[in-house]
C-alpha cells in the first residue's frame, strides 16, 4: 500500500478531486520539468541534435517497462485517436467480416472503424454490457470465425466495467482476429502485461493514469506490423536522420521497430521532459502497488456508496481503480454542480457517477463525497 501522495501535487486541502478518468493533475516535479523544457526553446542556439532524440528514446524505454513490452514496438503519439488511425491504416476488412467493439465505447475507438466498414465492407458488432454479468464472457461469445478485428479497452470509460484481455487474446488467436486496444483508462493504474495480452496495436494517451502532460502518449505495435504504413511521411523517423546536413539525401528506409509510426515533431522540448518525470515516478511507486492501493480505497468507497443507496458494479466486474455508481431516476439534474459547489469534482457518464480517485486522495476527500451525496439520496 502506498501512503497518500498529495504533497506531490498542487491540490488545496478543501478540494476533493476524484476525477482521474477525466484528467490527472500534474505533479510539482512534472510542472518543473515542463517549465525547464519550455525554456529550452527560448534559447534554440543551445539545442543540439541529441535533444531531438534522447528524451524520446528514454520515454520509449520507461513506457515499455510499465507494460512489459519490447521497446522496439513503442511509438510516440499525441492521442488515442492517432494510434487507432494507425491501426486502421494497416489492417484490412472485407464483406462478411465483423469488428467487435463495446456498446458505449469511447468514440476514438469507434469512429475510425465505422469509416473502415463503410469503405471496405463488413459490419461493427457492439457488445452490450451489464454490471451484473461478466463483460469478458459477453465479448468472448461475440468473437467468432467472422471476426476480423476486436477493438476494446481494458475498462469501459463510462463505468469501469472490466474485461480480461488475456482471455480476449486467447479467443482472437482461435479465430485469427487482430486485437486493437485503447488502454488510456487503465495503463498506469493497473497491471498491464503486453507479453501476455499480445496486442496487435495498443494506444495509451498519457494525460490520465500515466500522469503526463496533455497531448502526449504511446502506441505499441506488434512485430508483425512494424513494417507497415505510418500516418505521416516524416523525416525524423527515417534511417540516418541524425545527419541533419544529409537530410536532402532522401530515403525510403525507416529506423528499426515501430519508430516509423511516431508523430511528427515528437521531440516536444516542452512536454517530453515532463513525460519522463511522470513515468519515472510511476515506476518508482510500482504499478502493482498503485493498483493495490487504488483497489483498496475504491472497494471501501464503493461500500460506503452502496450504504447510501447508490448501486455499483460488483468488485469482480469492475476495474480496481474505477467506480461507476448508477444514478437513480430521482437524482438531481444538477448533481455535478451541487458537488462542485462543495469542491467535490467527478464526472457523470452514461447515467453513472464516474468516481476515479488516485494517490493524492485521502479520507477527508472520501468523507466529503459521501457527506454531499448522502444529503441528496
Protein backbone atom coordinates (compact mmCIF):
# COMPACT_ATOMS: atom_id res chain seq x y z
CA UNK A 1 0.00 0.00 0.00
CA UNK A 2 1.18 3.49 -0.87
CA UNK A 3 0.53 6.32 1.56
CA UNK A 4 -1.27 9.45 0.39
CA UNK A 5 0.91 11.36 -2.08
CA UNK A 6 -1.00 14.65 -2.02
CA UNK A 7 2.18 16.56 -1.16
CA UNK A 8 3.47 15.87 -4.68
CA UNK A 9 0.56 17.77 -6.25
CA UNK A 10 -0.79 21.31 -6.05
CA UNK A 11 -4.22 20.36 -4.70
CA UNK A 12 -5.70 22.61 -1.99
CA UNK A 13 -6.85 20.91 1.23
CA UNK A 14 -10.51 21.71 0.59
CA UNK A 15 -10.56 20.20 -2.93
CA UNK A 16 -11.74 16.61 -3.32
CA UNK A 17 -10.59 15.78 -6.84
CA UNK A 18 -11.91 12.31 -7.72
CA UNK A 19 -11.75 12.60 -11.49
CA UNK A 20 -8.58 10.97 -12.80
CA UNK A 21 -10.55 9.38 -15.64
CA UNK A 22 -11.21 12.92 -16.90
CA UNK A 23 -7.68 14.25 -16.45
CA UNK A 24 -4.99 13.87 -13.82
CA UNK A 25 -3.35 16.88 -12.19
CA UNK A 26 0.38 17.28 -12.80
CA UNK A 27 2.90 16.68 -10.05
CA UNK A 28 5.10 19.58 -8.95
CA UNK A 29 8.08 17.73 -10.45
CA UNK A 30 6.34 17.38 -13.82
CA UNK A 31 5.46 21.09 -13.90
CA UNK A 32 9.08 21.98 -13.12
CA UNK A 33 10.34 19.68 -15.88
CA UNK A 34 7.90 21.17 -18.40
CA UNK A 35 8.93 24.68 -17.37
CA UNK A 36 12.56 23.80 -17.93
CA UNK A 37 11.68 22.26 -21.28
CA UNK A 38 9.83 25.38 -22.43
CA UNK A 39 12.90 27.43 -21.64
CA UNK A 40 15.00 25.21 -23.92
CA UNK A 41 13.00 26.54 -26.87
CA UNK A 42 13.54 30.07 -25.59
CA UNK A 43 17.25 29.62 -26.33
CA UNK A 44 17.34 27.50 -29.51
CA UNK A 45 21.03 28.13 -30.05
CA UNK A 46 21.61 25.78 -27.11
CA UNK A 47 19.63 22.92 -28.65
CA UNK A 48 21.69 20.05 -30.03
CA UNK A 49 20.88 17.16 -32.35
CA UNK A 50 20.77 14.85 -29.32
CA UNK A 51 17.91 16.91 -27.86
CA UNK A 52 15.72 15.67 -30.72
CA UNK A 53 16.30 12.03 -29.74
CA UNK A 54 17.45 11.35 -26.19
CA UNK A 55 14.30 12.17 -24.20
CA UNK A 56 12.13 10.39 -26.76
CA UNK A 57 14.27 7.26 -26.60
CA UNK A 58 14.16 7.24 -22.80
CA UNK A 59 10.38 7.68 -22.84
CA UNK A 60 10.07 4.55 -25.02
CA UNK A 61 12.15 2.57 -22.54
CA UNK A 62 10.15 3.75 -19.50
CA UNK A 63 6.80 3.01 -21.14
CA UNK A 64 7.97 -0.43 -22.25
CA UNK A 65 8.84 -1.22 -18.63
CA UNK A 66 5.38 -0.17 -17.44
CA UNK A 67 3.61 -2.52 -19.87
CA UNK A 68 6.30 -5.25 -20.01
CA UNK A 69 6.88 -4.95 -23.74
CA UNK A 70 9.89 -4.84 -26.03
CA UNK A 71 10.96 -1.25 -26.56
CA UNK A 72 11.22 -1.77 -30.32
CA UNK A 73 7.44 -1.80 -30.52
CA UNK A 74 6.88 1.60 -28.89
CA UNK A 75 5.97 4.69 -30.94
CA UNK A 76 5.35 8.24 -29.72
CA UNK A 77 1.86 9.57 -30.47
CA UNK A 78 -0.16 12.62 -29.37
CA UNK A 79 -3.53 10.98 -28.78
CA UNK A 80 -5.56 7.79 -28.67
CA UNK A 81 -7.19 8.65 -31.99
CA UNK A 82 -3.76 8.90 -33.66
CA UNK A 83 -2.92 5.37 -32.54
CA UNK A 84 -6.26 3.90 -33.60
CA UNK A 85 -6.00 5.57 -37.01
CA UNK A 86 -2.57 3.99 -37.40
CA UNK A 87 -4.08 0.58 -36.75
CA UNK A 88 -6.90 1.20 -39.22
CA UNK A 89 -4.39 2.22 -41.90
CA UNK A 90 -2.59 -1.11 -41.57
CA UNK A 91 -5.46 -3.56 -41.06
CA UNK A 92 -7.95 -4.77 -43.65
CA UNK A 93 -11.65 -5.65 -43.67
CA UNK A 94 -13.88 -7.38 -46.21
CA UNK A 95 -17.59 -8.00 -46.75
CA UNK A 96 -18.93 -10.68 -44.46
CA UNK A 97 -16.40 -9.91 -41.71
CA UNK A 98 -17.03 -8.01 -38.49
CA UNK A 99 -15.35 -5.79 -35.91
CA UNK A 100 -16.25 -6.45 -32.28
CA UNK A 101 -16.46 -3.40 -30.00
CA UNK A 102 -18.39 -2.43 -26.86
CA UNK A 103 -21.64 -0.54 -26.60
CA UNK A 104 -20.83 2.99 -25.32
CA UNK A 105 -17.13 2.58 -26.11
CA UNK A 106 -15.06 5.78 -26.29
CA UNK A 107 -15.53 7.48 -29.71
CA UNK A 108 -11.84 7.48 -30.67
CA UNK A 109 -12.03 3.70 -30.84
CA UNK A 110 -15.32 3.70 -32.80
CA UNK A 111 -15.30 6.38 -35.50
CA UNK A 112 -12.30 5.00 -37.44
CA UNK A 113 -13.88 1.52 -37.53
CA UNK A 114 -17.15 2.98 -38.79
CA UNK A 115 -15.26 4.53 -41.68
CA UNK A 116 -13.40 1.29 -42.32
CA UNK A 117 -16.58 -0.76 -42.78
CA UNK A 118 -18.10 1.95 -44.97
CA UNK A 119 -15.04 1.88 -47.21
CA UNK A 120 -14.12 -1.81 -47.14
CA UNK A 121 -17.28 -3.68 -46.16
CA UNK A 122 -18.18 -5.73 -43.13
CA UNK A 123 -20.01 -4.61 -40.01
CA UNK A 124 -19.46 -3.46 -36.45
CA UNK A 125 -20.91 -5.53 -33.63
CA UNK A 126 -21.24 -3.62 -30.33
CA UNK A 127 -21.46 -5.88 -27.30
CA UNK A 128 -23.87 -4.66 -24.63
CA UNK A 129 -22.54 -4.97 -21.07
CA UNK A 130 -24.32 -5.06 -17.74
CA UNK A 131 -22.90 -4.58 -14.26
CA UNK A 132 -24.29 -7.94 -13.10
CA UNK A 133 -22.52 -10.32 -15.50
CA UNK A 134 -19.02 -10.92 -16.84
CA UNK A 135 -18.12 -8.49 -19.62
CA UNK A 136 -15.30 -10.82 -20.62
CA UNK A 137 -17.73 -13.69 -21.26
CA UNK A 138 -20.02 -11.43 -23.29
CA UNK A 139 -17.16 -10.28 -25.54
CA UNK A 140 -15.71 -13.77 -25.94
CA UNK A 141 -19.11 -15.02 -27.09
CA UNK A 142 -19.22 -12.34 -29.79
CA UNK A 143 -15.84 -13.32 -31.25
CA UNK A 144 -16.35 -16.00 -33.91
CA UNK A 145 -14.94 -17.04 -37.29
CA UNK A 146 -16.43 -13.94 -38.93
CA UNK A 147 -14.46 -11.65 -36.62
CA UNK A 148 -11.51 -9.86 -38.24
CA UNK A 149 -10.78 -7.22 -35.59
CA UNK A 150 -11.53 -6.82 -31.90
CA UNK A 151 -11.27 -3.20 -30.72
CA UNK A 152 -11.58 -2.76 -26.96
CA UNK A 153 -10.46 -1.01 -23.78
CA UNK A 154 -9.43 -2.81 -20.57
CA UNK A 155 -12.14 -0.96 -18.63
CA UNK A 156 -15.15 0.79 -20.10
CA UNK A 157 -14.66 4.54 -19.76
CA UNK A 158 -18.20 5.26 -18.52
CA UNK A 159 -18.36 2.95 -15.52
CA UNK A 160 -15.13 0.96 -15.21
CA UNK A 161 -16.55 -2.43 -16.26
CA UNK A 162 -13.52 -4.75 -16.59
CA UNK A 163 -12.54 -7.01 -19.48
CA UNK A 164 -9.88 -9.71 -19.15
CA UNK A 165 -7.70 -9.01 -22.18
CA UNK A 166 -5.68 -12.21 -21.82
CA UNK A 167 -8.90 -14.18 -22.30
CA UNK A 168 -9.82 -11.97 -25.27
CA UNK A 169 -6.39 -12.56 -26.82
CA UNK A 170 -6.86 -16.29 -26.47
CA UNK A 171 -10.16 -16.17 -28.35
CA UNK A 172 -8.69 -13.85 -31.01
CA UNK A 173 -5.94 -16.40 -31.62
CA UNK A 174 -8.53 -19.14 -32.15
CA UNK A 175 -10.32 -17.21 -34.92
CA UNK A 176 -7.38 -15.24 -36.35
CA UNK A 177 -8.64 -11.80 -35.30
CA UNK A 178 -6.45 -8.74 -34.69
CA UNK A 179 -6.64 -7.15 -31.22
CA UNK A 180 -6.59 -3.33 -31.11
CA UNK A 181 -6.71 -1.66 -27.71
CA UNK A 182 -7.26 1.81 -26.28
CA UNK A 183 -5.78 1.47 -22.79
CA UNK A 184 -5.92 5.14 -21.85
CA UNK A 185 -8.19 4.37 -18.88
CA UNK A 186 -6.07 1.59 -17.42
CA UNK A 187 -2.33 1.68 -18.10
CA UNK A 188 -0.57 3.23 -15.13
CA UNK A 189 -3.36 2.32 -12.71
CA UNK A 190 -3.49 -1.47 -13.09
CA UNK A 191 -1.20 -4.32 -14.03
CA UNK A 192 -0.82 -4.48 -17.80
CA UNK A 193 1.43 -7.13 -19.31
CA UNK A 194 1.78 -6.95 -23.08
CA UNK A 195 3.80 -10.16 -23.11
CA UNK A 196 0.55 -11.92 -22.09
CA UNK A 197 -2.03 -9.73 -23.84
CA UNK A 198 -0.02 -9.54 -27.10
CA UNK A 199 -2.00 -6.71 -28.71
CA UNK A 200 -1.59 -6.07 -32.40
CA UNK A 201 -1.89 -2.35 -31.66
CA UNK A 202 -2.37 -0.71 -28.25
CA UNK A 203 -2.54 3.03 -27.64
CA UNK A 204 -2.37 4.98 -24.38
CA UNK A 205 -2.98 8.72 -24.07
CA UNK A 206 -0.78 9.97 -21.25
CA UNK A 207 -2.85 12.68 -19.59
CA UNK A 208 -4.94 10.42 -17.35
CA UNK A 209 -3.47 7.49 -15.43
CA UNK A 210 0.09 7.98 -16.72
CA UNK A 211 0.06 11.44 -15.03
CA UNK A 212 1.67 13.00 -18.11
CA UNK A 213 1.06 16.35 -19.85
CA UNK A 214 -1.81 16.63 -22.32
CA UNK A 215 -1.21 15.65 -25.99
CA UNK A 216 1.41 13.02 -25.11
CA UNK A 217 1.03 9.27 -25.45
CA UNK A 218 2.33 5.95 -26.70
CA UNK A 219 1.43 3.34 -29.31
CA UNK A 220 2.62 -0.24 -29.05
CA UNK A 221 2.82 -2.20 -32.32
CA UNK A 222 3.34 -5.94 -32.52
CA UNK A 223 6.36 -7.12 -34.53
CA UNK A 224 4.16 -8.41 -37.37
CA UNK A 225 3.02 -4.84 -38.15
CA UNK A 226 6.28 -2.89 -37.76
CA UNK A 227 6.95 -2.65 -41.48
CA UNK A 228 3.57 -1.06 -42.18
CA UNK A 229 2.45 2.36 -43.38
CA UNK A 230 2.64 5.31 -40.95
CA UNK A 231 0.17 8.19 -40.91
CA UNK A 232 2.90 10.71 -41.67
CA UNK A 233 5.80 10.79 -44.11
CA UNK A 234 8.15 12.43 -41.62
CA UNK A 235 11.90 12.86 -41.74
CA UNK A 236 12.99 12.11 -38.17
CA UNK A 237 11.79 8.50 -38.34
CA UNK A 238 13.99 7.76 -41.37
CA UNK A 239 17.29 5.94 -41.37
CA UNK A 240 20.27 8.19 -40.53
CA UNK A 241 18.06 11.17 -39.66
CA UNK A 242 20.60 12.37 -37.08
CA UNK A 243 22.71 13.52 -40.01
CA UNK A 244 20.94 16.87 -40.38
CA UNK A 245 23.25 18.03 -43.12
CA UNK A 246 22.33 14.96 -45.17
CA UNK A 247 18.55 15.17 -44.92
CA UNK A 248 18.29 16.08 -48.60
CA UNK A 249 19.56 12.58 -49.37
CA UNK A 250 16.04 11.22 -49.36
CA UNK A 251 15.43 7.63 -48.32
CA UNK A 252 12.55 5.17 -48.14
CA UNK A 253 14.21 3.39 -45.22
CA UNK A 254 12.97 3.85 -41.64
CA UNK A 255 14.63 3.30 -38.31
CA UNK A 256 14.06 -0.16 -36.91
CA UNK A 257 10.94 -1.09 -34.97
CA UNK A 258 7.81 0.99 -34.52
CA UNK A 259 9.61 4.34 -34.79
CA UNK A 260 8.12 4.80 -38.26
CA UNK A 261 4.76 5.38 -36.54
CA UNK A 262 5.99 8.32 -34.43
CA UNK A 263 4.14 11.60 -34.72
CA UNK A 264 5.98 14.44 -36.43
CA UNK A 265 7.71 16.85 -34.04
CA UNK A 266 7.76 14.05 -31.48
CA UNK A 267 10.70 15.71 -29.71
CA UNK A 268 8.44 18.14 -27.90
CA UNK A 269 11.05 20.06 -25.90
CA UNK A 270 8.34 21.46 -23.63
CA UNK A 271 6.36 18.33 -22.78
CA UNK A 272 8.65 15.33 -23.13
CA UNK A 273 10.74 16.19 -20.03
CA UNK A 274 7.51 16.12 -18.04
CA UNK A 275 6.62 12.73 -19.51
CA UNK A 276 9.94 11.31 -18.31
CA UNK A 277 9.42 12.57 -14.76
CA UNK A 278 5.86 11.19 -14.61
CA UNK A 279 6.83 7.74 -15.91
CA UNK A 280 9.82 7.51 -13.57
CA UNK A 281 7.53 8.27 -10.63
CA UNK A 282 5.06 5.55 -11.68
CA UNK A 283 7.89 3.03 -11.89
CA UNK A 284 9.24 4.20 -8.54
CA UNK A 285 5.85 3.61 -6.89
CA UNK A 286 5.37 0.41 -8.86
CA UNK A 287 2.19 -0.15 -10.85
CA UNK A 288 1.40 -3.24 -8.79
CA UNK A 289 1.48 -1.09 -5.64
CA UNK A 290 -0.61 1.63 -7.31
CA UNK A 291 -3.26 -0.92 -8.31
CA UNK A 292 -3.38 -2.50 -4.86
CA UNK A 293 -3.74 0.90 -3.18
CA UNK A 294 -6.42 2.17 -5.55
CA UNK A 295 -8.29 -1.14 -5.35
CA UNK A 296 -8.32 -0.99 -1.54
CA UNK A 297 -9.58 2.59 -1.47
CA UNK A 298 -12.16 2.01 -4.20
CA UNK A 299 -13.55 -1.08 -2.50
CA UNK A 300 -14.07 0.79 0.76
CA UNK A 301 -15.58 3.75 -1.05
CA UNK A 302 -17.92 1.52 -3.05
CA UNK A 303 -19.24 0.01 0.19
CA UNK A 304 -19.98 3.49 1.51
CA UNK A 305 -21.77 4.43 -1.71
CA UNK A 306 -23.89 1.29 -1.51
CA UNK A 307 -24.79 2.21 2.08
CA UNK A 308 -26.39 5.47 0.93
CA UNK A 309 -28.34 3.79 -1.85
CA UNK A 310 -26.11 4.03 -4.95
CA UNK A 311 -25.55 0.86 -6.98
CA UNK A 312 -22.01 -0.02 -8.03
CA UNK A 313 -20.78 -2.98 -10.11
CA UNK A 314 -19.56 -5.96 -8.07
CA UNK A 315 -15.86 -5.81 -7.26
CA UNK A 316 -15.06 -8.72 -9.61
CA UNK A 317 -16.71 -6.99 -12.59
CA UNK A 318 -15.03 -3.57 -12.42
CA UNK A 319 -11.53 -2.19 -12.73
CA UNK A 320 -9.65 -1.84 -9.44
CA UNK A 321 -9.32 1.92 -9.82
CA UNK A 322 -12.75 2.80 -11.16
CA UNK A 323 -16.25 3.13 -9.68
CA UNK A 324 -19.36 3.71 -11.77
CA UNK A 325 -22.23 4.43 -9.36
CA UNK A 326 -25.57 4.11 -11.14
CA UNK A 327 -27.74 7.17 -10.58
CA UNK A 328 -31.40 6.65 -9.69
CA UNK A 329 -34.05 8.40 -11.78
CA UNK A 330 -34.69 10.69 -8.82
CA UNK A 331 -31.13 12.05 -8.94
CA UNK A 332 -30.95 15.85 -9.21
CA UNK A 333 -30.19 17.01 -12.74
CA UNK A 334 -27.69 19.48 -11.33
CA UNK A 335 -25.92 16.94 -9.10
CA UNK A 336 -22.45 17.63 -10.54
CA UNK A 337 -22.98 21.36 -9.95
CA UNK A 338 -24.01 20.69 -6.37
CA UNK A 339 -20.92 18.57 -5.87
CA UNK A 340 -18.60 21.16 -7.40
CA UNK A 341 -20.15 23.86 -5.22
CA UNK A 342 -18.83 21.81 -2.29
CA UNK A 343 -15.43 21.39 -4.00
CA UNK A 344 -16.07 17.76 -4.91
CA UNK A 345 -15.10 17.01 -8.51
CA UNK A 346 -16.01 13.91 -10.52
CA UNK A 347 -17.84 13.05 -13.75
CA UNK A 348 -21.15 11.65 -14.93
CA UNK A 349 -21.05 9.31 -17.91
CA UNK A 350 -23.90 7.22 -19.26
CA UNK A 351 -26.16 7.70 -16.26
CA UNK A 352 -23.49 6.80 -13.70
CA UNK A 353 -21.31 8.85 -11.42
CA UNK A 354 -17.75 8.13 -12.52
CA UNK A 355 -15.59 8.21 -9.39
CA UNK A 356 -11.88 7.73 -10.04
CA UNK A 357 -9.60 8.60 -7.11
CA UNK A 358 -5.81 8.39 -7.13
CA UNK A 359 -2.89 8.53 -4.73
CA UNK A 360 -3.50 12.22 -3.92
CA UNK A 361 -6.84 11.45 -2.31
CA UNK A 362 -7.33 10.99 1.44
CA UNK A 363 -10.09 10.07 3.87
CA UNK A 364 -11.18 13.71 4.07
CA UNK A 365 -11.93 13.63 0.33
CA UNK A 366 -13.96 10.44 0.64
CA UNK A 367 -15.85 11.73 3.67
CA UNK A 368 -16.75 14.92 1.83
CA UNK A 369 -18.05 12.96 -1.18
CA UNK A 370 -20.24 10.71 0.97
CA UNK A 371 -21.49 13.65 3.02
CA UNK A 372 -22.64 15.61 -0.05
CA UNK A 373 -24.19 12.58 -1.77
CA UNK A 374 -25.82 11.48 1.44
CA UNK A 375 -27.79 14.70 1.55
CA UNK A 376 -29.13 14.06 -1.97
CA UNK A 377 -30.13 10.39 -1.71
